[in-house]
């Protein structure tokens, strides 16, 4: 099932990179330009986070798929590569159909539900999925990008049919005098087209 979350306190929008002995850090502040903004070329690290935004026309919604997220000790985590939990019980085959209120989707898929703001504006609002085991536990997004604000609402035209790929990574460059500048930047690229979660409601299938 889908659930719109309640507003929560905003986490820090940008996290400073602590300088070490062999590098200096630049803290980026929204609305202000730094010397790093005026450089012509940068060296980028592997993505700390990678999210693919795509439309699901069959379900009349959009999805934010987290391919890479950053763990609590800043390790690289690929949610899609994590093994499924072990199956503790095996169902006995039966000819009787099994009713499900909704089918399950991968845990790294976060729903974006269309919501009418006014007569001319349609937004895609971040929601959440309920765990399929009946516990009513809410599965939230794990990365910082989807949790940057308490209420994430994208303009409908921000996610076209070809989709959008957003990454967050370290970027480094040299400045006048040979100093090193290091910061965390975002990049927006063309996605991989539409997708399908195979989400269905009121489903009845044989066990």
N, C-alpha and C. Protein backbone atom coordinates (compact mmCIF):
# COMPACT_ATOMS: atom_id res chain seq x y z
N UNK A 1 0.83 -1.18 0.00
CA UNK A 1 0.00 0.00 0.00
C UNK A 1 0.87 1.24 0.00
N UNK A 2 0.29 2.34 -0.41
CA UNK A 2 1.00 3.60 -0.47
C UNK A 2 0.58 4.47 0.70
N UNK A 3 1.50 5.25 1.19
CA UNK A 3 1.21 6.12 2.30
C UNK A 3 1.99 7.40 2.15
N UNK A 4 1.30 8.54 2.30
CA UNK A 4 1.96 9.84 2.32
C UNK A 4 2.45 10.09 3.73
N UNK A 5 3.76 10.34 3.90
CA UNK A 5 4.30 10.51 5.25
C UNK A 5 3.93 11.85 5.85
N UNK A 6 3.96 11.90 7.18
CA UNK A 6 3.74 13.16 7.87
C UNK A 6 5.01 14.00 7.81
N UNK A 7 4.87 15.33 7.83
CA UNK A 7 6.07 16.19 7.80
C UNK A 7 6.97 15.89 8.98
N UNK A 8 8.28 15.91 8.70
CA UNK A 8 9.28 15.66 9.73
C UNK A 8 10.27 16.81 9.72
N UNK A 9 11.03 16.99 10.81
CA UNK A 9 12.03 18.08 10.82
C UNK A 9 13.03 17.90 9.70
N UNK A 10 13.43 19.02 9.12
CA UNK A 10 14.35 18.99 8.01
C UNK A 10 15.73 18.57 8.49
N UNK A 11 16.36 17.59 7.81
CA UNK A 11 17.76 17.28 8.13
C UNK A 11 18.65 18.34 7.51
N UNK A 12 19.93 18.37 7.89
CA UNK A 12 20.84 19.35 7.28
C UNK A 12 20.86 19.20 5.78
N UNK A 13 20.66 20.29 5.06
CA UNK A 13 20.58 20.25 3.60
C UNK A 13 21.92 19.92 2.99
N UNK A 14 23.01 20.37 3.59
CA UNK A 14 24.33 20.10 3.05
C UNK A 14 25.26 19.79 4.21
N UNK A 15 26.10 18.81 4.01
CA UNK A 15 26.98 18.37 5.05
C UNK A 15 28.40 18.78 4.71
N UNK A 16 29.08 19.41 5.66
CA UNK A 16 30.44 19.87 5.41
C UNK A 16 31.38 18.68 5.33
N UNK A 17 32.41 18.80 4.51
CA UNK A 17 33.44 17.79 4.38
C UNK A 17 34.61 18.19 5.24
N UNK A 18 34.93 17.38 6.20
CA UNK A 18 36.00 17.74 7.12
C UNK A 18 37.34 17.71 6.41
N UNK A 19 38.14 18.79 6.50
CA UNK A 19 39.44 18.81 5.82
C UNK A 19 40.42 17.89 6.51
N UNK A 20 41.26 17.25 5.72
CA UNK A 20 42.31 16.40 6.25
C UNK A 20 43.66 17.05 5.99
N UNK A 21 44.71 16.32 6.25
CA UNK A 21 46.04 16.91 6.14
C UNK A 21 46.43 17.20 4.70
N UNK A 22 45.91 16.44 3.73
CA UNK A 22 46.35 16.59 2.36
C UNK A 22 45.27 17.16 1.46
N UNK A 23 44.20 17.73 2.01
CA UNK A 23 43.18 18.31 1.17
C UNK A 23 42.44 19.39 1.95
N UNK A 24 41.85 20.31 1.25
CA UNK A 24 41.05 21.35 1.87
C UNK A 24 39.62 21.19 1.41
N UNK A 25 38.70 21.65 2.23
CA UNK A 25 37.29 21.47 1.92
C UNK A 25 36.62 22.81 1.72
N UNK A 26 35.64 22.83 0.85
CA UNK A 26 34.82 24.01 0.62
C UNK A 26 33.39 23.64 0.97
N UNK A 27 32.79 24.37 1.86
CA UNK A 27 31.40 24.13 2.26
C UNK A 27 30.50 24.93 1.34
N UNK A 28 29.60 24.24 0.64
CA UNK A 28 28.70 24.89 -0.30
C UNK A 28 27.45 25.34 0.42
N UNK A 29 27.06 26.59 0.23
CA UNK A 29 25.87 27.16 0.85
C UNK A 29 24.87 27.51 -0.24
N UNK A 30 23.61 27.05 -0.14
CA UNK A 30 22.61 27.38 -1.16
C UNK A 30 22.46 28.89 -1.33
N UNK A 31 22.38 29.30 -2.57
CA UNK A 31 22.18 30.70 -2.88
C UNK A 31 23.44 31.52 -2.93
N UNK A 32 24.60 30.91 -2.63
CA UNK A 32 25.86 31.64 -2.67
C UNK A 32 26.81 30.93 -3.63
N UNK A 33 27.57 31.68 -4.35
CA UNK A 33 28.54 31.10 -5.27
C UNK A 33 29.89 31.08 -4.61
N UNK A 34 30.66 30.06 -4.89
CA UNK A 34 32.01 29.94 -4.36
C UNK A 34 32.99 29.96 -5.51
N UNK A 35 34.26 29.97 -5.17
CA UNK A 35 35.27 29.97 -6.22
C UNK A 35 35.21 28.69 -7.03
N UNK A 36 34.70 27.60 -6.43
CA UNK A 36 34.60 26.34 -7.16
C UNK A 36 33.60 26.42 -8.29
N UNK A 37 32.60 27.34 -8.17
CA UNK A 37 31.60 27.47 -9.23
C UNK A 37 32.20 28.05 -10.50
N UNK A 38 33.36 28.69 -10.39
CA UNK A 38 33.93 29.37 -11.55
C UNK A 38 35.06 28.57 -12.18
N UNK A 39 35.27 27.33 -11.75
CA UNK A 39 36.30 26.50 -12.35
C UNK A 39 35.78 25.87 -13.62
N UNK A 40 36.71 25.53 -14.51
CA UNK A 40 36.32 25.01 -15.83
C UNK A 40 36.24 23.50 -15.86
N UNK A 41 36.98 22.79 -15.01
CA UNK A 41 36.98 21.33 -15.04
C UNK A 41 37.17 20.81 -13.63
N UNK A 42 36.59 19.63 -13.39
CA UNK A 42 36.68 19.01 -12.07
C UNK A 42 36.98 17.53 -12.22
N UNK A 43 37.47 16.95 -11.14
CA UNK A 43 37.62 15.50 -11.02
C UNK A 43 36.51 15.00 -10.11
N UNK A 44 35.74 14.02 -10.58
CA UNK A 44 34.59 13.51 -9.83
C UNK A 44 34.89 12.13 -9.27
N UNK A 45 34.41 11.89 -8.07
CA UNK A 45 34.52 10.56 -7.47
C UNK A 45 33.40 9.66 -7.97
N UNK A 46 33.41 8.43 -7.54
CA UNK A 46 32.27 7.56 -7.80
C UNK A 46 31.05 8.13 -7.10
N UNK A 47 29.85 7.94 -7.65
CA UNK A 47 28.67 8.52 -7.01
C UNK A 47 28.49 8.03 -5.58
N UNK A 48 28.30 8.99 -4.67
CA UNK A 48 27.92 8.66 -3.31
C UNK A 48 26.46 8.22 -3.26
N UNK A 49 25.67 8.81 -4.14
CA UNK A 49 24.26 8.45 -4.31
C UNK A 49 23.91 8.51 -5.79
N UNK A 50 23.06 7.61 -6.20
CA UNK A 50 22.56 7.59 -7.58
C UNK A 50 21.08 7.23 -7.55
N UNK A 51 20.26 8.11 -8.10
CA UNK A 51 18.81 7.92 -8.10
C UNK A 51 18.31 8.05 -9.53
N UNK A 52 17.46 7.15 -9.91
CA UNK A 52 16.84 7.18 -11.23
C UNK A 52 15.35 7.50 -11.05
N UNK A 53 14.94 8.65 -11.56
CA UNK A 53 13.54 9.04 -11.56
C UNK A 53 12.91 8.59 -12.87
N UNK A 54 11.80 7.90 -12.80
CA UNK A 54 11.16 7.41 -14.03
C UNK A 54 9.65 7.36 -13.84
N UNK A 55 8.96 7.43 -14.96
CA UNK A 55 7.50 7.38 -14.96
C UNK A 55 7.02 5.93 -15.11
N UNK A 56 5.89 5.66 -14.49
CA UNK A 56 5.23 4.35 -14.59
C UNK A 56 3.80 4.63 -15.04
N UNK A 57 3.60 4.65 -16.35
CA UNK A 57 2.29 5.02 -16.89
C UNK A 57 1.22 4.01 -16.55
N UNK A 58 1.58 2.74 -16.41
CA UNK A 58 0.58 1.72 -16.09
C UNK A 58 0.00 1.93 -14.68
N UNK A 59 0.84 2.45 -13.76
CA UNK A 59 0.38 2.71 -12.40
C UNK A 59 -0.03 4.17 -12.22
N UNK A 60 0.14 5.00 -13.26
CA UNK A 60 -0.23 6.42 -13.22
C UNK A 60 0.50 7.14 -12.09
N UNK A 61 1.82 6.96 -12.04
CA UNK A 61 2.64 7.58 -11.00
C UNK A 61 4.09 7.59 -11.47
N UNK A 62 4.98 7.99 -10.62
CA UNK A 62 6.41 7.97 -10.92
C UNK A 62 7.14 7.31 -9.76
N UNK A 63 8.39 6.94 -10.02
CA UNK A 63 9.20 6.26 -9.01
C UNK A 63 10.58 6.90 -8.92
N UNK A 64 11.14 6.87 -7.72
CA UNK A 64 12.53 7.25 -7.50
C UNK A 64 13.26 6.00 -7.03
N UNK A 65 14.13 5.48 -7.90
CA UNK A 65 14.82 4.21 -7.63
C UNK A 65 16.23 4.52 -7.15
N UNK A 66 16.53 4.11 -5.93
CA UNK A 66 17.86 4.34 -5.36
C UNK A 66 18.80 3.20 -5.77
N UNK A 67 19.71 3.48 -6.70
CA UNK A 67 20.69 2.48 -7.12
C UNK A 67 21.89 2.46 -6.19
N UNK A 68 22.30 3.62 -5.69
CA UNK A 68 23.44 3.73 -4.78
C UNK A 68 23.06 4.70 -3.68
N UNK A 69 23.33 4.32 -2.43
CA UNK A 69 23.13 5.21 -1.29
C UNK A 69 24.38 5.15 -0.42
N UNK A 70 24.49 6.10 0.50
CA UNK A 70 25.63 6.17 1.40
C UNK A 70 25.23 5.67 2.76
N UNK A 71 26.00 4.73 3.30
CA UNK A 71 25.69 4.13 4.58
C UNK A 71 26.02 5.02 5.75
N UNK A 72 25.75 4.56 6.98
CA UNK A 72 25.99 5.39 8.17
C UNK A 72 27.46 5.69 8.42
N UNK A 73 28.37 4.88 7.91
CA UNK A 73 29.80 5.17 8.04
C UNK A 73 30.38 5.54 6.68
N UNK A 74 29.51 6.09 5.82
CA UNK A 74 29.87 6.61 4.50
C UNK A 74 30.37 5.52 3.55
N UNK A 75 29.92 4.29 3.77
CA UNK A 75 30.27 3.22 2.84
C UNK A 75 29.26 3.22 1.69
N UNK A 76 29.67 2.68 0.57
CA UNK A 76 28.82 2.61 -0.61
C UNK A 76 27.89 1.40 -0.50
N UNK A 77 26.58 1.63 -0.66
CA UNK A 77 25.59 0.56 -0.56
C UNK A 77 24.76 0.56 -1.83
N UNK A 78 24.59 -0.62 -2.40
CA UNK A 78 23.73 -0.80 -3.57
C UNK A 78 22.51 -1.61 -3.12
N UNK A 79 21.38 -0.93 -2.84
CA UNK A 79 20.21 -1.66 -2.30
C UNK A 79 19.72 -2.78 -3.19
N UNK A 80 19.81 -2.60 -4.52
CA UNK A 80 19.30 -3.65 -5.42
C UNK A 80 20.13 -4.91 -5.34
N UNK A 81 21.39 -4.81 -4.89
CA UNK A 81 22.27 -5.98 -4.82
C UNK A 81 22.17 -6.70 -3.49
N UNK A 82 21.44 -6.15 -2.53
CA UNK A 82 21.32 -6.80 -1.23
C UNK A 82 20.46 -8.06 -1.35
N UNK A 83 20.84 -9.14 -0.68
CA UNK A 83 20.05 -10.39 -0.79
C UNK A 83 18.70 -10.25 -0.11
N UNK A 84 17.73 -10.99 -0.60
CA UNK A 84 16.41 -11.01 0.02
C UNK A 84 16.48 -11.70 1.38
N UNK A 85 15.60 -11.34 2.30
CA UNK A 85 15.59 -12.02 3.61
C UNK A 85 15.26 -13.49 3.44
N UNK A 86 15.82 -14.35 4.28
CA UNK A 86 15.55 -15.79 4.14
C UNK A 86 14.08 -16.11 4.36
N UNK A 87 13.60 -17.06 3.60
CA UNK A 87 12.20 -17.48 3.70
C UNK A 87 12.09 -18.54 4.79
N UNK A 88 11.33 -18.21 5.83
CA UNK A 88 11.26 -19.10 6.99
C UNK A 88 10.21 -20.20 6.83
N UNK A 89 9.16 -19.91 6.08
CA UNK A 89 8.10 -20.90 5.91
C UNK A 89 7.80 -21.08 4.43
N UNK A 90 7.41 -22.27 4.07
CA UNK A 90 7.04 -22.57 2.69
C UNK A 90 5.54 -22.84 2.64
N UNK A 91 4.87 -22.19 1.71
CA UNK A 91 3.43 -22.38 1.57
C UNK A 91 3.12 -23.68 0.83
N UNK A 92 2.07 -24.32 1.27
CA UNK A 92 1.62 -25.53 0.60
C UNK A 92 0.84 -25.16 -0.65
N UNK A 93 1.18 -25.72 -1.80
CA UNK A 93 0.44 -25.38 -3.02
C UNK A 93 -1.04 -25.66 -2.87
N UNK A 94 -1.85 -24.73 -3.36
CA UNK A 94 -3.30 -24.86 -3.23
C UNK A 94 -3.94 -24.29 -4.48
N UNK A 95 -5.12 -24.83 -4.80
CA UNK A 95 -5.86 -24.34 -5.96
C UNK A 95 -6.68 -23.11 -5.62
N UNK A 96 -6.78 -22.80 -4.32
CA UNK A 96 -7.55 -21.62 -3.92
C UNK A 96 -6.74 -20.35 -4.19
N UNK A 97 -7.36 -19.35 -4.74
CA UNK A 97 -6.63 -18.11 -5.00
C UNK A 97 -6.29 -17.39 -3.70
N UNK A 98 -5.22 -16.67 -3.74
CA UNK A 98 -4.77 -15.88 -2.60
C UNK A 98 -4.97 -14.41 -2.91
N UNK A 99 -5.69 -13.73 -2.04
CA UNK A 99 -6.00 -12.31 -2.25
C UNK A 99 -4.91 -11.44 -1.62
N UNK A 100 -4.48 -10.43 -2.36
CA UNK A 100 -3.52 -9.47 -1.86
C UNK A 100 -4.07 -8.06 -2.11
N UNK A 101 -4.01 -7.24 -1.09
CA UNK A 101 -4.47 -5.87 -1.23
C UNK A 101 -3.63 -5.12 -2.25
N UNK A 102 -2.33 -5.40 -2.28
CA UNK A 102 -1.43 -4.79 -3.26
C UNK A 102 -0.21 -5.68 -3.40
N UNK A 103 0.36 -5.71 -4.58
CA UNK A 103 1.59 -6.47 -4.80
C UNK A 103 2.78 -5.69 -4.24
N UNK A 104 3.86 -6.39 -4.05
CA UNK A 104 5.06 -5.77 -3.48
C UNK A 104 5.95 -5.22 -4.59
N UNK A 105 6.76 -4.23 -4.23
CA UNK A 105 7.76 -3.67 -5.13
C UNK A 105 9.10 -3.71 -4.40
N UNK A 106 10.22 -3.61 -5.11
CA UNK A 106 11.52 -3.62 -4.42
C UNK A 106 11.62 -2.52 -3.37
N UNK A 107 12.38 -2.77 -2.33
CA UNK A 107 12.48 -1.84 -1.21
C UNK A 107 13.18 -0.54 -1.56
N UNK A 108 13.96 -0.52 -2.65
CA UNK A 108 14.66 0.71 -3.03
C UNK A 108 13.84 1.57 -3.99
N UNK A 109 12.57 1.24 -4.20
CA UNK A 109 11.68 2.04 -5.05
C UNK A 109 10.81 2.90 -4.14
N UNK A 110 10.90 4.21 -4.33
CA UNK A 110 10.10 5.16 -3.55
C UNK A 110 9.04 5.76 -4.46
N UNK A 111 7.76 5.68 -4.09
CA UNK A 111 6.70 6.19 -4.97
C UNK A 111 6.62 7.72 -4.95
N UNK A 112 6.28 8.28 -6.11
CA UNK A 112 6.01 9.71 -6.27
C UNK A 112 4.59 9.82 -6.81
N UNK A 113 3.67 10.26 -5.97
CA UNK A 113 2.25 10.28 -6.31
C UNK A 113 1.84 11.64 -6.85
N UNK A 114 1.05 11.66 -7.93
CA UNK A 114 0.56 12.95 -8.45
C UNK A 114 -0.44 13.57 -7.50
N UNK A 115 -0.26 14.87 -7.27
CA UNK A 115 -1.13 15.60 -6.36
C UNK A 115 -1.41 16.97 -6.95
N UNK A 116 -2.70 17.31 -7.04
CA UNK A 116 -3.10 18.59 -7.59
C UNK A 116 -2.95 19.69 -6.54
N UNK A 117 -2.09 20.67 -6.83
CA UNK A 117 -1.87 21.78 -5.91
C UNK A 117 -2.93 22.85 -6.11
N UNK A 118 -3.15 23.20 -7.37
CA UNK A 118 -4.21 24.14 -7.72
C UNK A 118 -4.72 23.76 -9.11
N UNK A 119 -5.47 24.65 -9.75
CA UNK A 119 -6.06 24.32 -11.04
C UNK A 119 -5.03 24.17 -12.15
N UNK A 120 -3.87 24.76 -11.99
CA UNK A 120 -2.87 24.74 -13.06
C UNK A 120 -1.59 24.01 -12.70
N UNK A 121 -1.43 23.57 -11.47
CA UNK A 121 -0.17 22.98 -11.02
C UNK A 121 -0.38 21.56 -10.52
N UNK A 122 0.44 20.63 -11.04
CA UNK A 122 0.43 19.24 -10.61
C UNK A 122 1.81 18.88 -10.10
N UNK A 123 1.88 18.34 -8.92
CA UNK A 123 3.16 17.97 -8.32
C UNK A 123 3.24 16.46 -8.14
N UNK A 124 4.47 15.96 -8.14
CA UNK A 124 4.75 14.56 -7.81
C UNK A 124 5.33 14.55 -6.40
N UNK A 125 4.55 14.04 -5.45
CA UNK A 125 4.88 14.12 -4.03
C UNK A 125 5.46 12.79 -3.58
N UNK A 126 6.58 12.88 -2.84
CA UNK A 126 7.19 11.67 -2.29
C UNK A 126 6.26 11.01 -1.27
N UNK A 127 6.04 9.72 -1.45
CA UNK A 127 5.22 8.94 -0.53
C UNK A 127 6.09 7.82 0.04
N UNK A 128 5.47 6.75 0.50
CA UNK A 128 6.20 5.62 1.06
C UNK A 128 5.37 4.37 0.86
N UNK A 129 6.04 3.22 0.91
CA UNK A 129 5.38 1.93 0.78
C UNK A 129 5.27 1.28 2.15
N UNK A 130 4.18 0.54 2.35
CA UNK A 130 4.02 -0.25 3.55
C UNK A 130 4.61 -1.64 3.33
N UNK A 131 5.21 -2.19 4.35
CA UNK A 131 5.79 -3.53 4.25
C UNK A 131 4.69 -4.54 3.94
N UNK A 132 4.97 -5.53 3.08
CA UNK A 132 3.93 -6.47 2.65
C UNK A 132 3.61 -7.55 3.67
N UNK A 133 4.27 -7.54 4.84
CA UNK A 133 4.04 -8.61 5.81
C UNK A 133 2.88 -8.33 6.76
N UNK A 134 2.15 -7.22 6.54
CA UNK A 134 1.03 -6.90 7.39
C UNK A 134 1.38 -6.18 8.67
N UNK A 135 2.64 -5.82 8.88
CA UNK A 135 3.06 -5.14 10.10
C UNK A 135 2.79 -3.64 10.06
N UNK A 136 2.38 -3.12 8.89
CA UNK A 136 2.15 -1.69 8.69
C UNK A 136 3.41 -0.85 8.89
N UNK A 137 4.57 -1.49 8.80
CA UNK A 137 5.82 -0.74 8.88
C UNK A 137 6.02 0.04 7.58
N UNK A 138 6.44 1.29 7.69
CA UNK A 138 6.62 2.16 6.54
C UNK A 138 8.06 2.05 6.04
N UNK A 139 8.22 1.82 4.76
CA UNK A 139 9.55 1.74 4.16
C UNK A 139 9.89 3.10 3.55
N UNK A 140 10.83 3.78 4.17
CA UNK A 140 11.23 5.10 3.71
C UNK A 140 12.46 5.00 2.82
N UNK A 141 12.72 6.08 2.08
CA UNK A 141 13.95 6.17 1.29
C UNK A 141 15.15 6.22 2.23
N UNK A 142 16.29 5.73 1.77
CA UNK A 142 17.46 5.61 2.62
C UNK A 142 18.49 6.70 2.39
N UNK A 143 18.53 7.30 1.21
CA UNK A 143 19.56 8.27 0.88
C UNK A 143 19.22 9.68 1.33
N UNK A 144 20.22 10.57 1.22
CA UNK A 144 20.04 11.96 1.62
C UNK A 144 19.27 12.76 0.58
N UNK A 145 19.37 12.40 -0.67
CA UNK A 145 18.72 13.19 -1.71
C UNK A 145 17.20 13.17 -1.56
N UNK A 146 16.63 12.02 -1.32
CA UNK A 146 15.18 11.92 -1.19
C UNK A 146 14.69 12.37 0.18
N UNK A 147 15.61 12.53 1.14
CA UNK A 147 15.24 12.97 2.47
C UNK A 147 15.75 14.38 2.77
N UNK A 148 16.07 15.12 1.72
CA UNK A 148 16.63 16.46 1.91
C UNK A 148 15.61 17.43 2.49
N UNK A 149 14.34 17.21 2.22
CA UNK A 149 13.27 18.06 2.75
C UNK A 149 12.19 17.18 3.37
N UNK A 150 11.42 17.78 4.27
CA UNK A 150 10.35 17.02 4.92
C UNK A 150 9.27 16.63 3.94
N UNK A 151 9.01 17.48 2.95
CA UNK A 151 7.98 17.20 1.94
C UNK A 151 8.57 17.46 0.56
N UNK A 152 8.90 16.40 -0.13
CA UNK A 152 9.48 16.51 -1.46
C UNK A 152 8.35 16.52 -2.48
N UNK A 153 8.22 17.63 -3.21
CA UNK A 153 7.18 17.78 -4.22
C UNK A 153 7.81 18.33 -5.49
N UNK A 154 7.87 17.50 -6.52
CA UNK A 154 8.48 17.88 -7.79
C UNK A 154 7.40 18.34 -8.77
N UNK A 155 7.74 19.31 -9.60
CA UNK A 155 6.84 19.68 -10.67
C UNK A 155 6.70 18.50 -11.63
N UNK A 156 5.52 18.32 -12.15
CA UNK A 156 5.24 17.17 -13.01
C UNK A 156 6.17 17.12 -14.22
N UNK A 157 6.51 18.28 -14.78
CA UNK A 157 7.36 18.32 -15.97
C UNK A 157 8.83 18.06 -15.65
N UNK A 158 9.20 17.97 -14.37
CA UNK A 158 10.60 17.70 -14.02
C UNK A 158 11.00 16.26 -14.34
N UNK A 159 10.03 15.38 -14.47
CA UNK A 159 10.33 13.98 -14.81
C UNK A 159 9.69 13.68 -16.16
N UNK A 160 10.44 13.82 -17.25
CA UNK A 160 9.88 13.54 -18.58
C UNK A 160 9.82 12.04 -18.85
N UNK A 161 9.39 11.68 -20.04
CA UNK A 161 9.25 10.26 -20.38
C UNK A 161 10.59 9.55 -20.40
N UNK A 162 11.66 10.25 -20.75
CA UNK A 162 12.98 9.60 -20.78
C UNK A 162 13.58 9.43 -19.40
N UNK A 163 12.98 10.01 -18.37
CA UNK A 163 13.48 9.86 -17.02
C UNK A 163 14.62 10.81 -16.71
N UNK A 164 15.07 10.78 -15.46
CA UNK A 164 16.14 11.65 -14.98
C UNK A 164 17.05 10.83 -14.07
N UNK A 165 18.35 11.01 -14.25
CA UNK A 165 19.36 10.37 -13.39
C UNK A 165 20.08 11.46 -12.60
N UNK A 166 20.04 11.37 -11.28
CA UNK A 166 20.65 12.35 -10.40
C UNK A 166 21.71 11.64 -9.57
N UNK A 167 22.91 12.23 -9.51
CA UNK A 167 24.00 11.66 -8.73
C UNK A 167 24.56 12.72 -7.78
N UNK A 168 25.10 12.25 -6.69
CA UNK A 168 25.79 13.10 -5.71
C UNK A 168 27.17 12.54 -5.51
N UNK A 169 28.21 13.35 -5.69
CA UNK A 169 29.57 12.87 -5.62
C UNK A 169 30.51 13.98 -5.15
N UNK A 170 31.73 13.55 -4.76
CA UNK A 170 32.78 14.51 -4.45
C UNK A 170 33.31 15.08 -5.77
N UNK A 171 33.61 16.38 -5.76
CA UNK A 171 34.21 17.03 -6.91
C UNK A 171 35.42 17.83 -6.43
N UNK A 172 36.50 17.75 -7.20
CA UNK A 172 37.75 18.40 -6.81
C UNK A 172 38.33 19.15 -8.00
N UNK A 173 38.98 20.27 -7.71
CA UNK A 173 39.63 21.04 -8.76
C UNK A 173 40.78 21.83 -8.16
N UNK A 174 41.63 22.36 -9.02
CA UNK A 174 42.73 23.24 -8.62
C UNK A 174 42.34 24.68 -8.88
N UNK A 175 42.75 25.57 -7.97
CA UNK A 175 42.45 26.98 -8.11
C UNK A 175 43.74 27.77 -8.24
N UNK A 176 43.61 29.08 -8.38
CA UNK A 176 44.77 29.94 -8.56
C UNK A 176 45.70 29.77 -7.36
N UNK A 177 46.99 29.60 -7.65
CA UNK A 177 47.97 29.40 -6.60
C UNK A 177 48.20 27.95 -6.28
N UNK A 178 47.48 27.04 -6.95
CA UNK A 178 47.68 25.62 -6.74
C UNK A 178 46.89 25.02 -5.59
N UNK A 179 46.00 25.78 -4.96
CA UNK A 179 45.21 25.24 -3.86
C UNK A 179 44.18 24.24 -4.39
N UNK A 180 43.81 23.31 -3.54
CA UNK A 180 42.84 22.26 -3.89
C UNK A 180 41.50 22.57 -3.25
N UNK A 181 40.46 22.51 -4.06
CA UNK A 181 39.10 22.72 -3.58
C UNK A 181 38.33 21.42 -3.70
N UNK A 182 37.63 21.06 -2.65
CA UNK A 182 36.86 19.81 -2.62
C UNK A 182 35.46 20.12 -2.08
N UNK A 183 34.44 19.63 -2.77
CA UNK A 183 33.07 19.84 -2.32
C UNK A 183 32.20 18.67 -2.81
N UNK A 184 30.97 18.65 -2.34
CA UNK A 184 30.00 17.64 -2.77
C UNK A 184 29.03 18.31 -3.73
N UNK A 185 28.92 17.77 -4.94
CA UNK A 185 28.08 18.36 -5.97
C UNK A 185 27.02 17.39 -6.46
N UNK A 186 26.05 17.94 -7.17
CA UNK A 186 24.97 17.16 -7.76
C UNK A 186 25.03 17.28 -9.28
N UNK A 187 24.69 16.22 -9.97
CA UNK A 187 24.62 16.23 -11.43
C UNK A 187 23.30 15.61 -11.88
N UNK A 188 22.71 16.23 -12.88
CA UNK A 188 21.44 15.76 -13.44
C UNK A 188 21.66 15.38 -14.89
N UNK A 189 21.27 14.15 -15.24
CA UNK A 189 21.47 13.63 -16.59
C UNK A 189 20.18 12.97 -17.07
N UNK A 190 20.18 12.62 -18.34
CA UNK A 190 19.03 11.93 -18.93
C UNK A 190 18.95 10.52 -18.35
N UNK A 191 17.73 10.07 -18.08
CA UNK A 191 17.53 8.75 -17.49
C UNK A 191 17.50 7.64 -18.52
N UNK A 192 16.79 6.56 -18.20
CA UNK A 192 16.75 5.37 -19.04
C UNK A 192 15.35 5.06 -19.55
N UNK A 193 14.50 6.08 -19.58
CA UNK A 193 13.16 5.85 -20.11
C UNK A 193 12.17 5.46 -19.03
N UNK A 194 10.99 5.07 -19.48
CA UNK A 194 9.93 4.67 -18.55
C UNK A 194 10.23 3.30 -17.94
N UNK A 195 9.57 3.03 -16.83
CA UNK A 195 9.73 1.75 -16.16
C UNK A 195 8.40 1.23 -15.67
N UNK A 196 8.41 0.02 -15.17
CA UNK A 196 7.19 -0.59 -14.64
C UNK A 196 7.52 -1.33 -13.36
N UNK A 197 6.78 -1.04 -12.32
CA UNK A 197 6.97 -1.70 -11.03
C UNK A 197 6.12 -2.95 -10.89
N UNK A 198 5.21 -3.19 -11.84
CA UNK A 198 4.24 -4.30 -11.76
C UNK A 198 3.36 -4.18 -10.53
N UNK A 199 3.15 -2.95 -10.06
CA UNK A 199 2.29 -2.74 -8.90
C UNK A 199 0.83 -2.93 -9.30
N UNK A 200 0.13 -3.76 -8.54
CA UNK A 200 -1.29 -4.01 -8.78
C UNK A 200 -2.01 -4.01 -7.44
N UNK A 201 -3.27 -3.58 -7.48
CA UNK A 201 -4.11 -3.57 -6.29
C UNK A 201 -5.24 -4.58 -6.46
N UNK A 202 -5.73 -5.09 -5.32
CA UNK A 202 -6.82 -6.08 -5.33
C UNK A 202 -6.47 -7.24 -6.25
N UNK A 203 -5.36 -7.87 -5.95
CA UNK A 203 -4.83 -8.94 -6.79
C UNK A 203 -5.21 -10.30 -6.20
N UNK A 204 -5.65 -11.20 -7.04
CA UNK A 204 -5.97 -12.57 -6.63
C UNK A 204 -5.27 -13.52 -7.58
N UNK A 205 -4.42 -14.37 -7.02
CA UNK A 205 -3.66 -15.31 -7.84
C UNK A 205 -3.54 -16.62 -7.08
N UNK A 206 -3.34 -17.71 -7.81
CA UNK A 206 -3.19 -19.03 -7.20
C UNK A 206 -1.88 -19.09 -6.45
N UNK A 207 -1.88 -19.75 -5.31
CA UNK A 207 -0.65 -19.90 -4.54
C UNK A 207 0.27 -20.92 -5.17
